[in-house]
PDB file of N, CA and C in Angstrom:
ATOM      1  N   UNK A   1       0.763  -1.136  -0.006  1.00  0.00           N
ATOM      2  CA  UNK A   1      -0.085   0.182   0.150  1.00  0.00           C
ATOM      3  C   UNK A   1       0.905   1.126   0.339  1.00  0.00           C
ATOM      4  N   UNK A   2       0.592   2.134  -0.555  1.00  0.00           N
ATOM      5  CA  UNK A   2       1.303   3.463  -1.000  1.00  0.00           C
ATOM      6  C   UNK A   2       1.340   4.343   0.366  1.00  0.00           C
ATOM      7  N   UNK A   3       2.139   5.139   0.782  1.00  0.00           N
ATOM      8  CA  UNK A   3       1.694   5.691   2.010  1.00  0.00           C
ATOM      9  C   UNK A   3       0.989   6.869   1.575  1.00  0.00           C
ATOM     10  N   UNK A   4       0.456   7.910   2.756  1.00  0.00           N
ATOM     11  CA  UNK A   4      -0.311   8.864   2.279  1.00  0.00           C
ATOM     12  C   UNK A   4       0.586  10.020   1.976  1.00  0.00           C
ATOM     13  N   UNK A   5       0.060  11.097   1.045  1.00  0.00           N
ATOM     14  CA  UNK A   5       1.451  12.130   0.715  1.00  0.00           C
ATOM     15  C   UNK A   5       1.068  13.364   0.316  1.00  0.00           C
ATOM     16  N   UNK A   6       1.270  14.153   0.561  1.00  0.00           N
ATOM     17  CA  UNK A   6       1.036  15.522   0.617  1.00  0.00           C
ATOM     18  C   UNK A   6       2.102  15.991  -0.137  1.00  0.00           C
ATOM     19  N   UNK A   7       1.647  16.345  -1.467  1.00  0.00           N
ATOM     20  CA  UNK A   7       2.349  16.836  -2.719  1.00  0.00           C
ATOM     21  C   UNK A   7       3.312  18.335  -2.240  1.00  0.00           C
ATOM     22  N   UNK A   8       4.268  18.445  -2.675  1.00  0.00           N
ATOM     23  CA  UNK A   8       4.885  19.611  -2.753  1.00  0.00           C
ATOM     24  C   UNK A   8       3.637  21.230  -3.182  1.00  0.00           C
ATOM     25  N   UNK A   9       3.728  20.968  -3.807  1.00  0.00           N
ATOM     26  CA  UNK A   9       2.507  22.190  -4.103  1.00  0.00           C
ATOM     27  C   UNK A   9       1.178  22.103  -3.311  1.00  0.00           C
ATOM     28  N   UNK A  10       0.835  21.151  -2.626  1.00  0.00           N
ATOM     29  CA  UNK A  10      -0.271  21.136  -1.521  1.00  0.00           C
ATOM     30  C   UNK A  10       0.068  21.866  -0.023  1.00  0.00           C
ATOM     31  N   UNK A  11      -0.799  22.203   0.599  1.00  0.00           N
ATOM     32  CA  UNK A  11      -1.180  22.983   1.737  1.00  0.00           C
ATOM     33  C   UNK A  11      -2.117  21.889   2.559  1.00  0.00           C
ATOM     34  N   UNK A  12      -1.699  21.418   3.731  1.00  0.00           N
ATOM     35  CA  UNK A  12      -3.032  20.741   4.474  1.00  0.00           C
ATOM     36  C   UNK A  12      -2.737  21.165   5.767  1.00  0.00           C
ATOM     37  N   UNK A  13      -4.190  21.205   6.338  1.00  0.00           N
ATOM     38  CA  UNK A  13      -4.099  21.629   7.837  1.00  0.00           C
ATOM     39  C   UNK A  13      -5.084  20.637   8.239  1.00  0.00           C
ATOM     40  N   UNK A  14      -4.907  20.098   9.749  1.00  0.00           N
ATOM     41  CA  UNK A  14      -5.746  19.185  10.184  1.00  0.00           C
ATOM     42  C   UNK A  14      -5.129  18.332  10.880  1.00  0.00           C
ATOM     43  N   UNK A  15      -5.881  17.164  10.996  1.00  0.00           N
ATOM     44  CA  UNK A  15      -5.378  15.724  11.173  1.00  0.00           C
ATOM     45  C   UNK A  15      -4.393  14.655  10.426  1.00  0.00           C
ATOM     46  N   UNK A  16      -3.456  14.016  10.506  1.00  0.00           N
ATOM     47  CA  UNK A  16      -2.726  13.272   9.562  1.00  0.00           C
ATOM     48  C   UNK A  16      -3.097  11.836  10.042  1.00  0.00           C
ATOM     49  N   UNK A  17      -3.586  10.552   9.631  1.00  0.00           N
ATOM     50  CA  UNK A  17      -3.248   9.516  10.265  1.00  0.00           C
ATOM     51  C   UNK A  17      -3.368   8.660   9.657  1.00  0.00           C
ATOM     52  N   UNK A  18      -2.753   7.178   9.643  1.00  0.00           N
ATOM     53  CA  UNK A  18      -2.456   6.448   8.741  1.00  0.00           C
ATOM     54  C   UNK A  18      -1.006   5.632   9.217  1.00  0.00           C
ATOM     55  N   UNK A  19      -0.466   4.733   8.025  1.00  0.00           N
ATOM     56  CA  UNK A  19       0.394   3.762   8.324  1.00  0.00           C
ATOM     57  C   UNK A  19       1.726   4.647   7.950  1.00  0.00           C
ATOM     58  N   UNK A  20       2.092   5.097   6.595  1.00  0.00           N
ATOM     59  CA  UNK A  20       2.897   5.754   6.334  1.00  0.00           C
ATOM     60  C   UNK A  20       2.510   6.759   5.390  1.00  0.00           C
ATOM     61  N   UNK A  21       3.578   7.881   5.813  1.00  0.00           N
ATOM     62  CA  UNK A  21       3.197   9.293   5.128  1.00  0.00           C
ATOM     63  C   UNK A  21       4.439  10.043   4.726  1.00  0.00           C
ATOM     64  N   UNK A  22       3.897  10.665   3.690  1.00  0.00           N
ATOM     65  CA  UNK A  22       5.466  11.539   3.049  1.00  0.00           C
ATOM     66  C   UNK A  22       4.630  13.154   2.981  1.00  0.00           C
ATOM     67  N   UNK A  23       5.356  13.852   3.379  1.00  0.00           N
ATOM     68  CA  UNK A  23       5.481  15.085   3.391  1.00  0.00           C
ATOM     69  C   UNK A  23       6.050  15.912   2.617  1.00  0.00           C
ATOM     70  N   UNK A  24       5.632  17.152   1.340  1.00  0.00           N
ATOM     71  CA  UNK A  24       6.380  17.536   0.737  1.00  0.00           C
ATOM     72  C   UNK A  24       5.882  18.557   0.105  1.00  0.00           C
ATOM     73  N   UNK A  25       4.920  19.103   0.773  1.00  0.00           N
ATOM     74  CA  UNK A  25       4.367  20.365   0.827  1.00  0.00           C
ATOM     75  C   UNK A  25       4.268  21.084   1.918  1.00  0.00           C
ATOM     76  N   UNK A  26       3.205  21.736   2.255  1.00  0.00           N
ATOM     77  CA  UNK A  26       3.156  22.269   3.458  1.00  0.00           C
ATOM     78  C   UNK A  26       2.032  21.916   4.654  1.00  0.00           C
ATOM     79  N   UNK A  27       2.124  21.434   6.192  1.00  0.00           N
ATOM     80  CA  UNK A  27       1.468  21.015   6.727  1.00  0.00           C
ATOM     81  C   UNK A  27       1.090  21.766   7.672  1.00  0.00           C
ATOM     82  N   UNK A  28       0.339  21.756   8.474  1.00  0.00           N
ATOM     83  CA  UNK A  28       0.150  22.341   9.924  1.00  0.00           C
ATOM     84  C   UNK A  28      -1.176  21.565  11.027  1.00  0.00           C
ATOM     85  N   UNK A  29      -0.889  20.966  11.993  1.00  0.00           N
ATOM     86  CA  UNK A  29      -1.775  20.524  13.371  1.00  0.00           C
ATOM     87  C   UNK A  29      -0.918  19.113  13.587  1.00  0.00           C
ATOM     88  N   UNK A  30      -2.076  17.834  13.265  1.00  0.00           N
ATOM     89  CA  UNK A  30      -0.978  16.913  13.963  1.00  0.00           C
ATOM     90  C   UNK A  30      -1.222  15.724  13.223  1.00  0.00           C
ATOM     91  N   UNK A  31       0.270  14.789  13.375  1.00  0.00           N
ATOM     92  CA  UNK A  31       0.126  13.639  12.390  1.00  0.00           C
ATOM     93  C   UNK A  31       0.242  12.492  13.745  1.00  0.00           C
ATOM     94  N   UNK A  32      -0.404  11.546  13.701  1.00  0.00           N
ATOM     95  CA  UNK A  32      -0.279  10.143  13.796  1.00  0.00           C
ATOM     96  C   UNK A  32      -0.081   8.836  12.980  1.00  0.00           C
ATOM     97  N   UNK A  33       1.416   8.467  13.037  1.00  0.00           N
ATOM     98  CA  UNK A  33       1.272   7.502  11.931  1.00  0.00           C
ATOM     99  C   UNK A  33       1.938   6.321  12.380  1.00  0.00           C
ATOM    100  N   UNK A  34       1.574   5.194  12.590  1.00  0.00           N
ATOM    101  CA  UNK A  34       2.300   3.985  12.906  1.00  0.00           C
ATOM    102  C   UNK A  34       3.404   3.629  12.863  1.00  0.00           C
ATOM    103  N   UNK A  35       3.784   3.452  10.991  1.00  0.00           N
ATOM    104  CA  UNK A  35       4.845   3.786  10.619  1.00  0.00           C
ATOM    105  C   UNK A  35       6.084   4.791  10.344  1.00  0.00           C
ATOM    106  N   UNK A  36       6.306   4.924   8.806  1.00  0.00           N
ATOM    107  CA  UNK A  36       6.962   5.669   9.005  1.00  0.00           C
ATOM    108  C   UNK A  36       6.836   7.311   8.504  1.00  0.00           C
ATOM    109  N   UNK A  37       7.262   8.658   8.789  1.00  0.00           N
ATOM    110  CA  UNK A  37       6.537   9.711   8.385  1.00  0.00           C
ATOM    111  C   UNK A  37       8.163  10.399   7.880  1.00  0.00           C
ATOM    112  N   UNK A  38       8.084  10.744   6.472  1.00  0.00           N
ATOM    113  CA  UNK A  38       9.070  11.563   5.866  1.00  0.00           C
ATOM    114  C   UNK A  38       8.688  12.448   5.577  1.00  0.00           C
ATOM    115  N   UNK A  39       9.253  13.598   6.011  1.00  0.00           N
ATOM    116  CA  UNK A  39       9.267  14.930   5.445  1.00  0.00           C
ATOM    117  C   UNK A  39      10.432  15.500   4.554  1.00  0.00           C
ATOM    118  N   UNK A  40       9.812  15.663   3.491  1.00  0.00           N
ATOM    119  CA  UNK A  40      11.097  15.763   2.294  1.00  0.00           C
ATOM    120  C   UNK A  40      11.696  17.204   2.461  1.00  0.00           C
ATOM    121  N   UNK A  41      12.543  17.402   1.701  1.00  0.00           N
ATOM    122  CA  UNK A  41      13.158  18.678   1.188  1.00  0.00           C
ATOM    123  C   UNK A  41      12.189  19.475   0.912  1.00  0.00           C
ATOM    124  N   UNK A  42      12.380  20.678   1.489  1.00  0.00           N
ATOM    125  CA  UNK A  42      11.527  21.866   1.050  1.00  0.00           C
ATOM    126  C   UNK A  42      10.193  22.048   1.352  1.00  0.00           C
ATOM    127  N   UNK A  43       9.622  20.659   2.076  1.00  0.00           N
ATOM    128  CA  UNK A  43       8.584  20.952   2.960  1.00  0.00           C
ATOM    129  C   UNK A  43       8.174  21.576   4.275  1.00  0.00           C
ATOM    130  N   UNK A  44       7.331  22.002   4.767  1.00  0.00           N
ATOM    131  CA  UNK A  44       7.375  22.704   5.989  1.00  0.00           C
ATOM    132  C   UNK A  44       6.680  22.381   6.863  1.00  0.00           C
ATOM    133  N   UNK A  45       6.863  22.013   7.946  1.00  0.00           N
ATOM    134  CA  UNK A  45       5.828  21.451   8.720  1.00  0.00           C
ATOM    135  C   UNK A  45       5.667  21.810  10.535  1.00  0.00           C
ATOM    136  N   UNK A  46       4.272  22.138  10.534  1.00  0.00           N
ATOM    137  CA  UNK A  46       3.857  22.813  12.065  1.00  0.00           C
ATOM    138  C   UNK A  46       3.105  21.908  12.805  1.00  0.00           C
ATOM    139  N   UNK A  47       4.044  21.185  13.928  1.00  0.00           N
ATOM    140  CA  UNK A  47       2.592  20.060  14.174  1.00  0.00           C
ATOM    141  C   UNK A  47       3.232  19.253  15.133  1.00  0.00           C
ATOM    142  N   UNK A  48       2.058  18.459  15.810  1.00  0.00           N
ATOM    143  CA  UNK A  48       2.273  17.626  17.031  1.00  0.00           C
ATOM    144  C   UNK A  48       2.919  15.985  16.386  1.00  0.00           C
ATOM    145  N   UNK A  49       3.648  15.423  16.553  1.00  0.00           N
ATOM    146  CA  UNK A  49       3.480  14.343  15.222  1.00  0.00           C
ATOM    147  C   UNK A  49       4.276  13.158  16.446  1.00  0.00           C
ATOM    148  N   UNK A  50       3.420  11.629  15.943  1.00  0.00           N
ATOM    149  CA  UNK A  50       3.624  10.359  16.984  1.00  0.00           C
ATOM    150  C   UNK A  50       4.143   9.894  15.611  1.00  0.00           C
ATOM    151  N   UNK A  51       5.097   9.014  15.550  1.00  0.00           N
ATOM    152  CA  UNK A  51       4.936   7.895  14.744  1.00  0.00           C
ATOM    153  C   UNK A  51       6.251   7.172  14.834  1.00  0.00           C
ATOM    154  N   UNK A  52       6.483   5.943  14.553  1.00  0.00           N
ATOM    155  CA  UNK A  52       7.490   5.037  14.925  1.00  0.00           C
ATOM    156  C   UNK A  52       8.827   5.818  14.219  1.00  0.00           C
ATOM    157  N   UNK A  53       9.449   5.739  12.821  1.00  0.00           N
ATOM    158  CA  UNK A  53      10.215   6.322  12.529  1.00  0.00           C
ATOM    159  C   UNK A  53       9.945   7.673  11.863  1.00  0.00           C
ATOM    160  N   UNK A  54      10.675   8.465  11.751  1.00  0.00           N
ATOM    161  CA  UNK A  54      10.577  10.081  11.526  1.00  0.00           C
ATOM    162  C   UNK A  54      11.788  10.298  10.541  1.00  0.00           C
ATOM    163  N   UNK A  55      11.766  10.484   9.206  1.00  0.00           N
ATOM    164  CA  UNK A  55      13.171  11.262   8.768  1.00  0.00           C
ATOM    165  C   UNK A  55      12.926  12.562   8.179  1.00  0.00           C
ATOM    166  N   UNK A  56      13.444  13.647   8.403  1.00  0.00           N
ATOM    167  CA  UNK A  56      13.576  14.933   7.934  1.00  0.00           C
ATOM    168  C   UNK A  56      14.460  15.170   7.225  1.00  0.00           C
ATOM    169  N   UNK A  57      13.838  15.697   5.971  1.00  0.00           N
ATOM    170  CA  UNK A  57      14.784  16.659   5.066  1.00  0.00           C
ATOM    171  C   UNK A  57      14.433  18.323   5.162  1.00  0.00           C
ATOM    172  N   UNK A  58      13.084  18.251   5.126  1.00  0.00           N
ATOM    173  CA  UNK A  58      12.986  20.163   5.279  1.00  0.00           C
ATOM    174  C   UNK A  58      13.029  20.447   6.561  1.00  0.00           C
ATOM    175  N   UNK A  59      11.508  21.621   7.056  1.00  0.00           N
ATOM    176  CA  UNK A  59      11.716  22.516   8.282  1.00  0.00           C
ATOM    177  C   UNK A  59      10.340  21.551   8.972  1.00  0.00           C
ATOM    178  N   UNK A  60      10.568  21.499  10.189  1.00  0.00           N
ATOM    179  CA  UNK A  60       9.729  21.097  11.155  1.00  0.00           C
ATOM    180  C   UNK A  60       9.668  21.945  12.334  1.00  0.00           C
ATOM    181  N   UNK A  61       8.455  22.360  12.491  1.00  0.00           N
ATOM    182  CA  UNK A  61       8.434  23.153  14.097  1.00  0.00           C
ATOM    183  C   UNK A  61       7.748  22.374  14.935  1.00  0.00           C
ATOM    184  N   UNK A  62       7.541  22.381  16.298  1.00  0.00           N
ATOM    185  CA  UNK A  62       6.328  21.564  17.104  1.00  0.00           C
ATOM    186  C   UNK A  62       6.885  20.494  17.716  1.00  0.00           C
ATOM    187  N   UNK A  63       6.296  19.327  18.272  1.00  0.00           N
ATOM    188  CA  UNK A  63       6.768  18.428  18.807  1.00  0.00           C
ATOM    189  C   UNK A  63       6.774  16.912  18.309  1.00  0.00           C
ATOM    190  N   UNK A  64       7.971  16.304  18.651  1.00  0.00           N
ATOM    191  CA  UNK A  64       8.018  15.250  18.012  1.00  0.00           C
ATOM    192  C   UNK A  64       8.268  13.901  18.721  1.00  0.00           C
ATOM    193  N   UNK A  65       7.638  12.878  18.782  1.00  0.00           N
ATOM    194  CA  UNK A  65       7.579  11.775  19.837  1.00  0.00           C
ATOM    195  C   UNK A  65       8.283  10.747  18.289  1.00  0.00           C
ATOM    196  N   UNK A  66       9.075   9.923  18.493  1.00  0.00           N
ATOM    197  CA  UNK A  66       9.614   8.641  17.701  1.00  0.00           C
ATOM    198  C   UNK A  66      10.319   7.533  18.536  1.00  0.00           C
ATOM    199  N   UNK A  67      10.506   6.950  17.577  1.00  0.00           N
ATOM    200  CA  UNK A  67      11.503   5.641  18.483  1.00  0.00           C
ATOM    201  C   UNK A  67      12.691   5.927  17.708  1.00  0.00           C
ATOM    202  N   UNK A  68      12.695   6.317  15.900  1.00  0.00           N
ATOM    203  CA  UNK A  68      13.831   6.791  15.555  1.00  0.00           C
ATOM    204  C   UNK A  68      13.562   8.080  14.596  1.00  0.00           C
ATOM    205  N   UNK A  69      14.621   8.788  15.002  1.00  0.00           N
ATOM    206  CA  UNK A  69      14.557   9.959  14.529  1.00  0.00           C
ATOM    207  C   UNK A  69      15.800  10.664  13.436  1.00  0.00           C
ATOM    208  N   UNK A  70      15.615  10.331  12.034  1.00  0.00           N
ATOM    209  CA  UNK A  70      16.534  10.305  11.393  1.00  0.00           C
ATOM    210  C   UNK A  70      16.574  12.314  10.554  1.00  0.00           C
ATOM    211  N   UNK A  71      17.763  13.214  11.125  1.00  0.00           N
ATOM    212  CA  UNK A  71      17.769  14.322  10.655  1.00  0.00           C
ATOM    213  C   UNK A  71      18.823  14.356   9.331  1.00  0.00           C
ATOM    214  N   UNK A  72      18.302  14.931   7.991  1.00  0.00           N
ATOM    215  CA  UNK A  72      19.409  14.693   7.155  1.00  0.00           C
ATOM    216  C   UNK A  72      19.663  16.194   6.561  1.00  0.00           C
ATOM    217  N   UNK A  73      20.659  16.236   6.155  1.00  0.00           N
ATOM    218  CA  UNK A  73      22.007  17.406   6.203  1.00  0.00           C
ATOM    219  C   UNK A  73      21.366  18.428   5.626  1.00  0.00           C
ATOM    220  N   UNK A  74      19.616  18.570   5.693  1.00  0.00           N
ATOM    221  CA  UNK A  74      19.388  20.007   5.220  1.00  0.00           C
ATOM    222  C   UNK A  74      17.579  20.175   5.924  1.00  0.00           C
ATOM    223  N   UNK A  75      18.216  18.946   7.257  1.00  0.00           N
ATOM    224  CA  UNK A  75      16.988  19.576   8.134  1.00  0.00           C
ATOM    225  C   UNK A  75      16.810  20.538   8.932  1.00  0.00           C
ATOM    226  N   UNK A  76      15.690  21.254   8.979  1.00  0.00           N
ATOM    227  CA  UNK A  76      15.830  22.082  10.301  1.00  0.00           C
ATOM    228  C   UNK A  76      14.688  21.985  11.636  1.00  0.00           C
ATOM    229  N   UNK A  77      15.078  21.652  12.595  1.00  0.00           N
ATOM    230  CA  UNK A  77      14.215  21.311  13.674  1.00  0.00           C
ATOM    231  C   UNK A  77      14.034  21.908  14.636  1.00  0.00           C
ATOM    232  N   UNK A  78      13.131  23.088  14.810  1.00  0.00           N
ATOM    233  CA  UNK A  78      12.839  23.670  16.358  1.00  0.00           C
ATOM    234  C   UNK A  78      11.861  23.121  17.076  1.00  0.00           C
ATOM    235  N   UNK A  79      11.649  22.763  18.227  1.00  0.00           N
ATOM    236  CA  UNK A  79      10.761  22.468  19.194  1.00  0.00           C
ATOM    237  C   UNK A  79      10.930  21.141  19.989  1.00  0.00           C
ATOM    238  N   UNK A  80      10.275  20.302  20.668  1.00  0.00           N
ATOM    239  CA  UNK A  80      10.522  19.146  20.976  1.00  0.00           C
ATOM    240  C   UNK A  80      10.552  17.740  21.102  1.00  0.00           C
ATOM    241  N   UNK A  81      11.853  17.512  21.233  1.00  0.00           N
ATOM    242  CA  UNK A  81      12.119  15.831  20.286  1.00  0.00           C
ATOM    243  C   UNK A  81      12.055  15.006  21.721  1.00  0.00           C
ATOM    244  N   UNK A  82      11.338  13.636  21.870  1.00  0.00           N
ATOM    245  CA  UNK A  82      11.380  12.641  22.395  1.00  0.00           C
ATOM    246  C   UNK A  82      12.051  11.677  21.340  1.00  0.00           C
ATOM    247  N   UNK A  83      12.958  10.752  21.463  1.00  0.00           N
ATOM    248  CA  UNK A  83      13.526   9.838  20.702  1.00  0.00           C
ATOM    249  C   UNK A  83      14.366   8.815  21.366  1.00  0.00           C
ATOM    250  N   UNK A  84      13.695   7.397  20.855  1.00  0.00           N
ATOM    251  CA  UNK A  84      14.753   6.127  21.496  1.00  0.00           C
ATOM    252  C   UNK A  84      16.207   6.022  20.836  1.00  0.00           C
ATOM    253  N   UNK A  85      15.883   6.634  19.318  1.00  0.00           N
ATOM    254  CA  UNK A  85      17.305   6.497  18.772  1.00  0.00           C
ATOM    255  C   UNK A  85      16.936   7.812  17.995  1.00  0.00           C
ATOM    256  N   UNK A  86      18.710   8.795  17.580  1.00  0.00           N
ATOM    257  CA  UNK A  86      18.419  10.075  16.902  1.00  0.00           C
ATOM    258  C   UNK A  86      19.680   9.689  16.115  1.00  0.00           C
ATOM    259  N   UNK A  87      19.856  10.096  14.780  1.00  0.00           N
ATOM    260  CA  UNK A  87      20.546  10.534  13.889  1.00  0.00           C
ATOM    261  C   UNK A  87      20.855  11.531  13.205  1.00  0.00           C
ATOM    262  N   UNK A  88      21.597  12.069  13.485  1.00  0.00           N
ATOM    263  CA  UNK A  88      21.776  13.775  13.030  1.00  0.00           C
ATOM    264  C   UNK A  88      22.780  13.984  11.783  1.00  0.00           C
ATOM    265  N   UNK A  89      22.496  13.991  10.783  1.00  0.00           N
ATOM    266  CA  UNK A  89      23.542  14.159   9.632  1.00  0.00           C
ATOM    267  C   UNK A  89      24.465  15.588   9.726  1.00  0.00           C
ATOM    268  N   UNK A  90      25.256  15.682   9.184  1.00  0.00           N
ATOM    269  CA  UNK A  90      26.370  16.995   9.195  1.00  0.00           C
ATOM    270  C   UNK A  90      25.360  17.674   8.232  1.00  0.00           C
ATOM    271  N   UNK A  91      25.302  19.519   8.701  1.00  0.00           N
ATOM    272  CA  UNK A  91      24.659  20.259   8.428  1.00  0.00           C
ATOM    273  C   UNK A  91      22.638  20.516   8.888  1.00  0.00           C
ATOM    274  N   UNK A  92      22.775  19.130   9.341  1.00  0.00           N
ATOM    275  CA  UNK A  92      21.251  19.320  10.307  1.00  0.00           C
ATOM    276  C   UNK A  92      21.452  20.665  11.059  1.00  0.00           C
ATOM    277  N   UNK A  93      20.174  21.155  11.258  1.00  0.00           N
ATOM    278  CA  UNK A  93      19.563  21.960  12.945  1.00  0.00           C
ATOM    279  C   UNK A  93      18.681  21.520  13.525  1.00  0.00           C
ATOM    280  N   UNK A  94      18.883  21.568  15.101  1.00  0.00           N
ATOM    281  CA  UNK A  94      18.086  20.749  15.775  1.00  0.00           C
ATOM    282  C   UNK A  94      18.256  21.951  17.052  1.00  0.00           C
ATOM    283  N   UNK A  95      17.393  22.120  17.278  1.00  0.00           N
ATOM    284  CA  UNK A  95      17.143  23.391  18.106  1.00  0.00           C
ATOM    285  C   UNK A  95      15.691  23.230  19.145  1.00  0.00           C
ATOM    286  N   UNK A  96      16.224  23.293  20.338  1.00  0.00           N
ATOM    287  CA  UNK A  96      14.635  22.860  21.218  1.00  0.00           C
ATOM    288  C   UNK A  96      15.574  21.822  22.422  1.00  0.00           C
ATOM    289  N   UNK A  97      14.262  21.453  23.096  1.00  0.00           N
ATOM    290  CA  UNK A  97      14.283  20.236  24.044  1.00  0.00           C
ATOM    291  C   UNK A  97      14.456  19.159  23.708  1.00  0.00           C
ATOM    292  N   UNK A  98      15.498  18.293  23.603  1.00  0.00           N
ATOM    293  CA  UNK A  98      15.728  16.955  23.235  1.00  0.00           C
ATOM    294  C   UNK A  98      16.096  15.912  24.265  1.00  0.00           C
ATOM    295  N   UNK A  99      15.028  14.702  24.578  1.00  0.00           N
ATOM    296  CA  UNK A  99      15.472  13.785  25.416  1.00  0.00           C
ATOM    297  C   UNK A  99      15.705  12.182  24.457  1.00  0.00           C
ATOM    298  N   UNK A 100      16.614  11.982  24.467  1.00  0.00           N
ATOM    299  CA  UNK A 100      16.722  10.753  23.496  1.00  0.00           C
ATOM    300  C   UNK A 100      17.168   9.455  24.616  1.00  0.00           C
ATOM    301  N   UNK A 101      16.605   8.320  24.064  1.00  0.00           N
ATOM    302  CA  UNK A 101      17.436   7.192  25.021  1.00  0.00           C
ATOM    303  C   UNK A 101      16.107   6.974  25.742  1.00  0.00           C
ATOM    304  N   UNK A 102      15.058   7.786  26.319  1.00  0.00           N
ATOM    305  CA  UNK A 102      14.154   6.902  27.085  1.00  0.00           C
ATOM    306  C   UNK A 102      12.885   6.376  26.642  1.00  0.00           C
ATOM    307  N   UNK A 103      11.925   5.847  27.315  1.00  0.00           N
ATOM    308  CA  UNK A 103      11.006   5.247  26.330  1.00  0.00           C
ATOM    309  C   UNK A 103      10.153   6.605  25.956  1.00  0.00           C
ATOM    310  N   UNK A 104       9.596   6.180  25.016  1.00  0.00           N
ATOM    311  CA  UNK A 104       8.572   7.424  24.079  1.00  0.00           C
ATOM    312  C   UNK A 104       7.124   6.757  24.435  1.00  0.00           C
ATOM    313  N   UNK A 105       6.586   7.407  23.618  1.00  0.00           N
ATOM    314  CA  UNK A 105       4.839   7.029  24.025  1.00  0.00           C
ATOM    315  C   UNK A 105       4.551   5.609  22.929  1.00  0.00           C
ATOM    316  N   UNK A 106       5.384   5.800  21.752  1.00  0.00           N
ATOM    317  CA  UNK A 106       4.941   5.056  20.729  1.00  0.00           C
ATOM    318  C   UNK A 106       5.464   3.467  21.550  1.00  0.00           C
ATOM    319  N   UNK A 107       6.933   3.664  21.966  1.00  0.00           N
ATOM    320  CA  UNK A 107       7.367   2.171  22.669  1.00  0.00           C
ATOM    321  C   UNK A 107       6.902   1.722  24.078  1.00  0.00           C
ATOM    322  N   UNK A 108       5.988   2.744  24.964  1.00  0.00           N
ATOM    323  CA  UNK A 108       5.636   2.847  26.046  1.00  0.00           C
ATOM    324  C   UNK A 108       4.414   1.907  25.811  1.00  0.00           C
ATOM    325  N   UNK A 109       3.931   1.768  24.881  1.00  0.00           N
ATOM    326  CA  UNK A 109       2.585   1.054  24.569  1.00  0.00           C
ATOM    327  C   UNK A 109       3.017  -0.311  24.004  1.00  0.00           C
ATOM    328  N   UNK A 110       3.871  -0.830  23.934  1.00  0.00           N
ATOM    329  CA  UNK A 110       4.160  -2.234  23.801  1.00  0.00           C
ATOM    330  C   UNK A 110       4.896  -2.829  25.163  1.00  0.00           C
ATOM    331  N   UNK A 111       4.823  -4.208  25.343  1.00  0.00           N
ATOM    332  CA  UNK A 111       5.439  -4.632  26.563  1.00  0.00           C
ATOM    333  C   UNK A 111       6.509  -5.169  26.398  1.00  0.00           C
ATOM    334  N   UNK A 112       7.343  -4.807  27.538  1.00  0.00           N
ATOM    335  CA  UNK A 112       8.925  -4.946  28.011  1.00  0.00           C
ATOM    336  C   UNK A 112       9.289  -6.474  27.518  1.00  0.00           C
ATOM    337  N   UNK A 113      10.721  -6.607  26.873  1.00  0.00           N
ATOM    338  CA  UNK A 113      10.690  -8.083  26.719  1.00  0.00           C
ATOM    339  C   UNK A 113      11.971  -8.457  28.024  1.00  0.00           C
ATOM    340  N   UNK A 114      11.842  -9.252  28.142  1.00  0.00           N
ATOM    341  CA  UNK A 114      12.053  -9.761  29.172  1.00  0.00           C
ATOM    342  C   UNK A 114      13.046 -11.200  28.854  1.00  0.00           C
ATOM    343  N   UNK A 115      14.264 -11.455  29.446  1.00  0.00           N
ATOM    344  CA  UNK A 115      15.080 -12.612  29.092  1.00  0.00           C
ATOM    345  C   UNK A 115      16.068 -12.399  29.402  1.00  0.00           C
TER     346      UNK A 115
END
């Protein structure tokens, strides 16, 4: 199944939910994705986001909660970040409160593995 996509020429305001999503245009609101969210180069997102994996190449402002956050070289992030894993490429900018390695709402909902 193809991911939900907000085209580069599109502007969207509201709540986006689903499995996977690609934002290439402008988005404002809330994003709840159970899979991977990609914020493409040139995209501008102002939102509260919860997703399993988030990859950012564009501009993001707001709150992020994820298991894995990947900031590519042109990423610009302003806001709060909660992530189990964080990867930042040279050139990316991250400004705000960052909490890495702690349990996130996404991972906290899963039972802990013991053994």
